[in-house]
């Protein structure tokens, strides 16, 4: 199944690598990443598309545990 992940991340070294690594360790393959710096200059808005056989709720819970992840929403792609 394919999921879209919307995230707000602190602008910190390695934050993106931690997000992608967490998704991969949970059995999801990243198929697309898009994002940019928020107007405040301190946060990134990131949108990822991932594929995997597991439930997206578990991935959302794991991403939310990351220190640099301020908000996360996982939804099925249509």
PDB file of N, CA and C in Angstrom:
ATOM      1  N   UNK A   1       0.850  -1.180   0.000  1.00  0.00           N
ATOM      2  CA  UNK A   1       0.000   0.000   0.000  1.00  0.00           C
ATOM      3  C   UNK A   1       0.893   1.240   0.000  1.00  0.00           C
ATOM      4  N   UNK A   2       0.405   2.294  -0.603  1.00  0.00           N
ATOM      5  CA  UNK A   2       1.169   3.542  -0.679  1.00  0.00           C
ATOM      6  C   UNK A   2       0.554   4.562   0.275  1.00  0.00           C
ATOM      7  N   UNK A   3       1.432   5.284   1.002  1.00  0.00           N
ATOM      8  CA  UNK A   3       1.006   6.296   1.959  1.00  0.00           C
ATOM      9  C   UNK A   3       1.692   7.621   1.668  1.00  0.00           C
ATOM     10  N   UNK A   4       1.004   8.699   2.011  1.00  0.00           N
ATOM     11  CA  UNK A   4       1.583  10.037   1.979  1.00  0.00           C
ATOM     12  C   UNK A   4       1.818  10.468   3.417  1.00  0.00           C
ATOM     13  N   UNK A   5       3.003  10.975   3.685  1.00  0.00           N
ATOM     14  CA  UNK A   5       3.366  11.429   5.020  1.00  0.00           C
ATOM     15  C   UNK A   5       3.632  12.927   4.946  1.00  0.00           C
ATOM     16  N   UNK A   6       2.911  13.699   5.735  1.00  0.00           N
ATOM     17  CA  UNK A   6       3.152  15.139   5.857  1.00  0.00           C
ATOM     18  C   UNK A   6       3.795  15.391   7.213  1.00  0.00           C
ATOM     19  N   UNK A   7       4.935  16.081   7.196  1.00  0.00           N
ATOM     20  CA  UNK A   7       5.701  16.315   8.418  1.00  0.00           C
ATOM     21  C   UNK A   7       6.092  17.771   8.560  1.00  0.00           C
ATOM     22  N   UNK A   8       6.206  18.196   9.789  1.00  0.00           N
ATOM     23  CA  UNK A   8       6.861  19.456  10.129  1.00  0.00           C
ATOM     24  C   UNK A   8       8.072  19.059  10.970  1.00  0.00           C
ATOM     25  N   UNK A   9       9.265  19.435  10.494  1.00  0.00           N
ATOM     26  CA  UNK A   9      10.511  19.062  11.163  1.00  0.00           C
ATOM     27  C   UNK A   9      11.273  20.291  11.615  1.00  0.00           C
ATOM     28  N   UNK A  10      11.970  20.152  12.735  1.00  0.00           N
ATOM     29  CA  UNK A  10      12.928  21.190  13.113  1.00  0.00           C
ATOM     30  C   UNK A  10      14.033  21.201  12.063  1.00  0.00           C
ATOM     31  N   UNK A  11      14.568  22.349  11.825  1.00  0.00           N
ATOM     32  CA  UNK A  11      15.680  22.469  10.883  1.00  0.00           C
ATOM     33  C   UNK A  11      16.948  22.064  11.633  1.00  0.00           C
ATOM     34  N   UNK A  12      17.224  20.783  11.617  1.00  0.00           N
ATOM     35  CA  UNK A  12      18.355  20.241  12.360  1.00  0.00           C
ATOM     36  C   UNK A  12      19.149  19.289  11.471  1.00  0.00           C
ATOM     37  N   UNK A  13      20.435  19.232  11.703  1.00  0.00           N
ATOM     38  CA  UNK A  13      21.298  18.338  10.949  1.00  0.00           C
ATOM     39  C   UNK A  13      20.855  16.896  11.152  1.00  0.00           C
ATOM     40  N   UNK A  14      20.648  16.176  10.069  1.00  0.00           N
ATOM     41  CA  UNK A  14      20.289  14.770  10.117  1.00  0.00           C
ATOM     42  C   UNK A  14      18.812  14.470  10.291  1.00  0.00           C
ATOM     43  N   UNK A  15      17.963  15.493  10.399  1.00  0.00           N
ATOM     44  CA  UNK A  15      16.532  15.265  10.633  1.00  0.00           C
ATOM     45  C   UNK A  15      15.904  14.471   9.486  1.00  0.00           C
ATOM     46  N   UNK A  16      16.197  14.836   8.268  1.00  0.00           N
ATOM     47  CA  UNK A  16      15.635  14.132   7.117  1.00  0.00           C
ATOM     48  C   UNK A  16      16.138  12.693   7.061  1.00  0.00           C
ATOM     49  N   UNK A  17      17.418  12.496   7.325  1.00  0.00           N
ATOM     50  CA  UNK A  17      17.986  11.143   7.319  1.00  0.00           C
ATOM     51  C   UNK A  17      17.321  10.268   8.383  1.00  0.00           C
ATOM     52  N   UNK A  18      17.021  10.836   9.548  1.00  0.00           N
ATOM     53  CA  UNK A  18      16.350  10.071  10.602  1.00  0.00           C
ATOM     54  C   UNK A  18      14.936   9.676  10.187  1.00  0.00           C
ATOM     55  N   UNK A  19      14.224  10.573   9.519  1.00  0.00           N
ATOM     56  CA  UNK A  19      12.865  10.270   9.065  1.00  0.00           C
ATOM     57  C   UNK A  19      12.884   9.145   8.031  1.00  0.00           C
ATOM     58  N   UNK A  20      13.735   9.272   7.028  1.00  0.00           N
ATOM     59  CA  UNK A  20      13.808   8.247   5.983  1.00  0.00           C
ATOM     60  C   UNK A  20      14.283   6.919   6.574  1.00  0.00           C
ATOM     61  N   UNK A  21      15.266   6.961   7.449  1.00  0.00           N
ATOM     62  CA  UNK A  21      15.768   5.746   8.080  1.00  0.00           C
ATOM     63  C   UNK A  21      14.710   5.048   8.919  1.00  0.00           C
ATOM     64  N   UNK A  22      13.920   5.814   9.646  1.00  0.00           N
ATOM     65  CA  UNK A  22      12.842   5.232  10.456  1.00  0.00           C
ATOM     66  C   UNK A  22      11.817   4.549   9.560  1.00  0.00           C
ATOM     67  N   UNK A  23      11.453   5.195   8.473  1.00  0.00           N
ATOM     68  CA  UNK A  23      10.491   4.594   7.544  1.00  0.00           C
ATOM     69  C   UNK A  23      11.048   3.290   6.972  1.00  0.00           C
ATOM     70  N   UNK A  24      12.310   3.287   6.586  1.00  0.00           N
ATOM     71  CA  UNK A  24      12.906   2.088   6.003  1.00  0.00           C
ATOM     72  C   UNK A  24      13.002   0.957   7.031  1.00  0.00           C
ATOM     73  N   UNK A  25      13.376   1.268   8.259  1.00  0.00           N
ATOM     74  CA  UNK A  25      13.463   0.241   9.298  1.00  0.00           C
ATOM     75  C   UNK A  25      12.101  -0.348   9.630  1.00  0.00           C
ATOM     76  N   UNK A  26      11.035   0.389   9.368  1.00  0.00           N
ATOM     77  CA  UNK A  26       9.681  -0.095   9.609  1.00  0.00           C
ATOM     78  C   UNK A  26       9.101  -0.820   8.395  1.00  0.00           C
ATOM     79  N   UNK A  27       9.907  -0.999   7.361  1.00  0.00           N
ATOM     80  CA  UNK A  27       9.478  -1.786   6.208  1.00  0.00           C
ATOM     81  C   UNK A  27       8.862  -0.984   5.081  1.00  0.00           C
ATOM     82  N   UNK A  28       9.086   0.323   5.054  1.00  0.00           N
ATOM     83  CA  UNK A  28       8.529   1.174   4.004  1.00  0.00           C
ATOM     84  C   UNK A  28       9.646   1.665   3.094  1.00  0.00           C
ATOM     85  N   UNK A  29       9.376   1.654   1.797  1.00  0.00           N
ATOM     86  CA  UNK A  29      10.321   2.154   0.812  1.00  0.00           C
ATOM     87  C   UNK A  29       9.893   3.558   0.394  1.00  0.00           C
ATOM     88  N   UNK A  30      10.808   4.496   0.461  1.00  0.00           N
ATOM     89  CA  UNK A  30      10.521   5.867   0.052  1.00  0.00           C
ATOM     90  C   UNK A  30      10.476   5.936  -1.464  1.00  0.00           C
ATOM     91  N   UNK A  31       9.374   6.463  -2.012  1.00  0.00           N
ATOM     92  CA  UNK A  31       9.237   6.572  -3.466  1.00  0.00           C
ATOM     93  C   UNK A  31       9.184   8.031  -3.927  1.00  0.00           C
ATOM     94  N   UNK A  32       9.086   8.967  -2.989  1.00  0.00           N
ATOM     95  CA  UNK A  32       9.088  10.375  -3.358  1.00  0.00           C
ATOM     96  C   UNK A  32       9.222  11.264  -2.142  1.00  0.00           C
ATOM     97  N   UNK A  33       9.950  12.375  -2.304  1.00  0.00           N
ATOM     98  CA  UNK A  33      10.137  13.342  -1.223  1.00  0.00           C
ATOM     99  C   UNK A  33      10.043  14.736  -1.825  1.00  0.00           C
ATOM    100  N   UNK A  34       9.298  15.602  -1.165  1.00  0.00           N
ATOM    101  CA  UNK A  34       9.182  16.995  -1.589  1.00  0.00           C
ATOM    102  C   UNK A  34       9.082  17.833  -0.330  1.00  0.00           C
ATOM    103  N   UNK A  35       9.639  19.002  -0.353  1.00  0.00           N
ATOM    104  CA  UNK A  35       9.517  19.846   0.828  1.00  0.00           C
ATOM    105  C   UNK A  35      10.295  21.129   0.675  1.00  0.00           C
ATOM    106  N   UNK A  36      10.232  21.898   1.730  1.00  0.00           N
ATOM    107  CA  UNK A  36      10.933  23.167   1.725  1.00  0.00           C
ATOM    108  C   UNK A  36      10.907  23.808   3.097  1.00  0.00           C
ATOM    109  N   UNK A  37      11.649  24.867   3.200  1.00  0.00           N
ATOM    110  CA  UNK A  37      11.751  25.620   4.436  1.00  0.00           C
ATOM    111  C   UNK A  37      10.484  26.427   4.674  1.00  0.00           C
ATOM    112  N   UNK A  38       9.998  26.407   5.894  1.00  0.00           N
ATOM    113  CA  UNK A  38       8.832  27.206   6.265  1.00  0.00           C
ATOM    114  C   UNK A  38       9.227  28.689   6.269  1.00  0.00           C
ATOM    115  N   UNK A  39       8.269  29.601   6.168  1.00  0.00           N
ATOM    116  CA  UNK A  39       8.584  31.026   6.171  1.00  0.00           C
ATOM    117  C   UNK A  39       9.327  31.491   7.430  1.00  0.00           C
ATOM    118  N   UNK A  40       9.135  30.787   8.556  1.00  0.00           N
ATOM    119  CA  UNK A  40       9.827  31.192   9.783  1.00  0.00           C
ATOM    120  C   UNK A  40      11.321  30.881   9.745  1.00  0.00           C
ATOM    121  N   UNK A  41      11.766  30.074   8.779  1.00  0.00           N
ATOM    122  CA  UNK A  41      13.177  29.755   8.628  1.00  0.00           C
ATOM    123  C   UNK A  41      13.708  28.736   9.623  1.00  0.00           C
ATOM    124  N   UNK A  42      12.870  28.232  10.506  1.00  0.00           N
ATOM    125  CA  UNK A  42      13.321  27.302  11.544  1.00  0.00           C
ATOM    126  C   UNK A  42      12.765  25.888  11.364  1.00  0.00           C
ATOM    127  N   UNK A  43      11.799  25.734  10.466  1.00  0.00           N
ATOM    128  CA  UNK A  43      11.148  24.433  10.297  1.00  0.00           C
ATOM    129  C   UNK A  43      11.035  24.081   8.822  1.00  0.00           C
ATOM    130  N   UNK A  44      10.993  22.778   8.553  1.00  0.00           N
ATOM    131  CA  UNK A  44      10.758  22.273   7.214  1.00  0.00           C
ATOM    132  C   UNK A  44       9.375  21.660   7.145  1.00  0.00           C
ATOM    133  N   UNK A  45       8.705  21.841   6.034  1.00  0.00           N
ATOM    134  CA  UNK A  45       7.495  21.081   5.738  1.00  0.00           C
ATOM    135  C   UNK A  45       7.921  20.050   4.710  1.00  0.00           C
ATOM    136  N   UNK A  46       7.692  18.788   5.024  1.00  0.00           N
ATOM    137  CA  UNK A  46       8.137  17.694   4.184  1.00  0.00           C
ATOM    138  C   UNK A  46       6.952  16.815   3.823  1.00  0.00           C
ATOM    139  N   UNK A  47       6.872  16.409   2.574  1.00  0.00           N
ATOM    140  CA  UNK A  47       5.850  15.462   2.110  1.00  0.00           C
ATOM    141  C   UNK A  47       6.580  14.283   1.466  1.00  0.00           C
ATOM    142  N   UNK A  48       6.321  13.096   2.010  1.00  0.00           N
ATOM    143  CA  UNK A  48       6.944  11.879   1.504  1.00  0.00           C
ATOM    144  C   UNK A  48       5.881  10.908   1.032  1.00  0.00           C
ATOM    145  N   UNK A  49       6.194  10.141   0.014  1.00  0.00           N
ATOM    146  CA  UNK A  49       5.365   9.011  -0.411  1.00  0.00           C
ATOM    147  C   UNK A  49       6.175   7.752  -0.163  1.00  0.00           C
ATOM    148  N   UNK A  50       5.547   6.804   0.514  1.00  0.00           N
ATOM    149  CA  UNK A  50       6.212   5.544   0.834  1.00  0.00           C
ATOM    150  C   UNK A  50       5.311   4.380   0.449  1.00  0.00           C
ATOM    151  N   UNK A  51       5.922   3.222   0.231  1.00  0.00           N
ATOM    152  CA  UNK A  51       5.179   1.993  -0.047  1.00  0.00           C
ATOM    153  C   UNK A  51       5.584   0.946   0.963  1.00  0.00           C
ATOM    154  N   UNK A  52       4.614   0.141   1.387  1.00  0.00           N
ATOM    155  CA  UNK A  52       4.914  -0.943   2.302  1.00  0.00           C
ATOM    156  C   UNK A  52       3.680  -1.773   2.583  1.00  0.00           C
ATOM    157  N   UNK A  53       3.903  -2.921   3.176  1.00  0.00           N
ATOM    158  CA  UNK A  53       2.815  -3.836   3.495  1.00  0.00           C
ATOM    159  C   UNK A  53       2.230  -3.589   4.879  1.00  0.00           C
ATOM    160  N   UNK A  54       2.903  -2.823   5.706  1.00  0.00           N
ATOM    161  CA  UNK A  54       2.445  -2.584   7.071  1.00  0.00           C
ATOM    162  C   UNK A  54       1.449  -1.439   7.132  1.00  0.00           C
ATOM    163  N   UNK A  55       0.815  -1.324   8.291  1.00  0.00           N
ATOM    164  CA  UNK A  55      -0.166  -0.270   8.545  1.00  0.00           C
ATOM    165  C   UNK A  55       0.537   1.078   8.727  1.00  0.00           C
ATOM    166  N   UNK A  56      -0.031   2.127   8.178  1.00  0.00           N
ATOM    167  CA  UNK A  56       0.537   3.458   8.307  1.00  0.00           C
ATOM    168  C   UNK A  56       0.472   4.026   9.710  1.00  0.00           C
ATOM    169  N   UNK A  57      -0.435   3.532  10.546  1.00  0.00           N
ATOM    170  CA  UNK A  57      -0.548   4.038  11.921  1.00  0.00           C
ATOM    171  C   UNK A  57       0.715   3.770  12.731  1.00  0.00           C
ATOM    172  N   UNK A  58       1.304   2.598  12.541  1.00  0.00           N
ATOM    173  CA  UNK A  58       2.540   2.268  13.245  1.00  0.00           C
ATOM    174  C   UNK A  58       3.677   3.170  12.831  1.00  0.00           C
ATOM    175  N   UNK A  59       3.757   3.474  11.548  1.00  0.00           N
ATOM    176  CA  UNK A  59       4.789   4.379  11.060  1.00  0.00           C
ATOM    177  C   UNK A  59       4.586   5.773  11.635  1.00  0.00           C
ATOM    178  N   UNK A  60       3.352   6.230  11.677  1.00  0.00           N
ATOM    179  CA  UNK A  60       3.070   7.552  12.239  1.00  0.00           C
ATOM    180  C   UNK A  60       3.519   7.621  13.699  1.00  0.00           C
ATOM    181  N   UNK A  61       3.239   6.585  14.469  1.00  0.00           N
ATOM    182  CA  UNK A  61       3.626   6.567  15.884  1.00  0.00           C
ATOM    183  C   UNK A  61       5.147   6.611  16.033  1.00  0.00           C
ATOM    184  N   UNK A  62       5.866   5.879  15.193  1.00  0.00           N
ATOM    185  CA  UNK A  62       7.323   5.873  15.279  1.00  0.00           C
ATOM    186  C   UNK A  62       7.922   7.214  14.867  1.00  0.00           C
ATOM    187  N   UNK A  63       7.406   7.823  13.819  1.00  0.00           N
ATOM    188  CA  UNK A  63       7.919   9.123  13.378  1.00  0.00           C
ATOM    189  C   UNK A  63       7.649  10.200  14.420  1.00  0.00           C
ATOM    190  N   UNK A  64       6.502  10.105  15.068  1.00  0.00           N
ATOM    191  CA  UNK A  64       6.153  11.105  16.083  1.00  0.00           C
ATOM    192  C   UNK A  64       7.118  11.071  17.272  1.00  0.00           C
ATOM    193  N   UNK A  65       7.757   9.938  17.499  1.00  0.00           N
ATOM    194  CA  UNK A  65       8.723   9.803  18.596  1.00  0.00           C
ATOM    195  C   UNK A  65      10.047  10.508  18.324  1.00  0.00           C
ATOM    196  N   UNK A  66      10.325  10.822  17.056  1.00  0.00           N
ATOM    197  CA  UNK A  66      11.582  11.485  16.719  1.00  0.00           C
ATOM    198  C   UNK A  66      11.601  12.896  17.290  1.00  0.00           C
ATOM    199  N   UNK A  67      12.726  13.270  17.880  1.00  0.00           N
ATOM    200  CA  UNK A  67      12.858  14.568  18.545  1.00  0.00           C
ATOM    201  C   UNK A  67      12.601  15.744  17.593  1.00  0.00           C
ATOM    202  N   UNK A  68      13.063  15.630  16.361  1.00  0.00           N
ATOM    203  CA  UNK A  68      12.942  16.732  15.408  1.00  0.00           C
ATOM    204  C   UNK A  68      11.598  16.794  14.707  1.00  0.00           C
ATOM    205  N   UNK A  69      10.745  15.790  14.898  1.00  0.00           N
ATOM    206  CA  UNK A  69       9.449  15.729  14.240  1.00  0.00           C
ATOM    207  C   UNK A  69       8.396  16.405  15.120  1.00  0.00           C
ATOM    208  N   UNK A  70       7.909  17.552  14.676  1.00  0.00           N
ATOM    209  CA  UNK A  70       6.943  18.325  15.465  1.00  0.00           C
ATOM    210  C   UNK A  70       5.503  17.942  15.150  1.00  0.00           C
ATOM    211  N   UNK A  71       5.243  17.513  13.931  1.00  0.00           N
ATOM    212  CA  UNK A  71       3.900  17.097  13.529  1.00  0.00           C
ATOM    213  C   UNK A  71       4.033  16.066  12.419  1.00  0.00           C
ATOM    214  N   UNK A  72       3.157  15.073  12.450  1.00  0.00           N
ATOM    215  CA  UNK A  72       3.178  14.033  11.418  1.00  0.00           C
ATOM    216  C   UNK A  72       1.756  13.562  11.156  1.00  0.00           C
ATOM    217  N   UNK A  73       1.451  13.402   9.870  1.00  0.00           N
ATOM    218  CA  UNK A  73       0.154  12.875   9.460  1.00  0.00           C
ATOM    219  C   UNK A  73       0.394  11.884   8.330  1.00  0.00           C
ATOM    220  N   UNK A  74      -0.094  10.666   8.496  1.00  0.00           N
ATOM    221  CA  UNK A  74       0.058   9.623   7.491  1.00  0.00           C
ATOM    222  C   UNK A  74      -1.331   9.313   6.939  1.00  0.00           C
ATOM    223  N   UNK A  75      -1.453   9.331   5.621  1.00  0.00           N
ATOM    224  CA  UNK A  75      -2.736   9.016   4.997  1.00  0.00           C
ATOM    225  C   UNK A  75      -2.496   8.163   3.755  1.00  0.00           C
ATOM    226  N   UNK A  76      -3.439   7.268   3.460  1.00  0.00           N
ATOM    227  CA  UNK A  76      -3.304   6.440   2.250  1.00  0.00           C
ATOM    228  C   UNK A  76      -3.344   7.312   0.992  1.00  0.00           C
ATOM    229  N   UNK A  77      -2.513   6.969   0.018  1.00  0.00           N
ATOM    230  CA  UNK A  77      -2.572   7.641  -1.276  1.00  0.00           C
ATOM    231  C   UNK A  77      -3.736   7.079  -2.069  1.00  0.00           C
ATOM    232  N   UNK A  78      -4.320   7.907  -2.875  1.00  0.00           N
ATOM    233  CA  UNK A  78      -5.458   7.466  -3.703  1.00  0.00           C
ATOM    234  C   UNK A  78      -5.041   7.227  -5.105  1.00  0.00           C
TER     235      UNK A  78
END
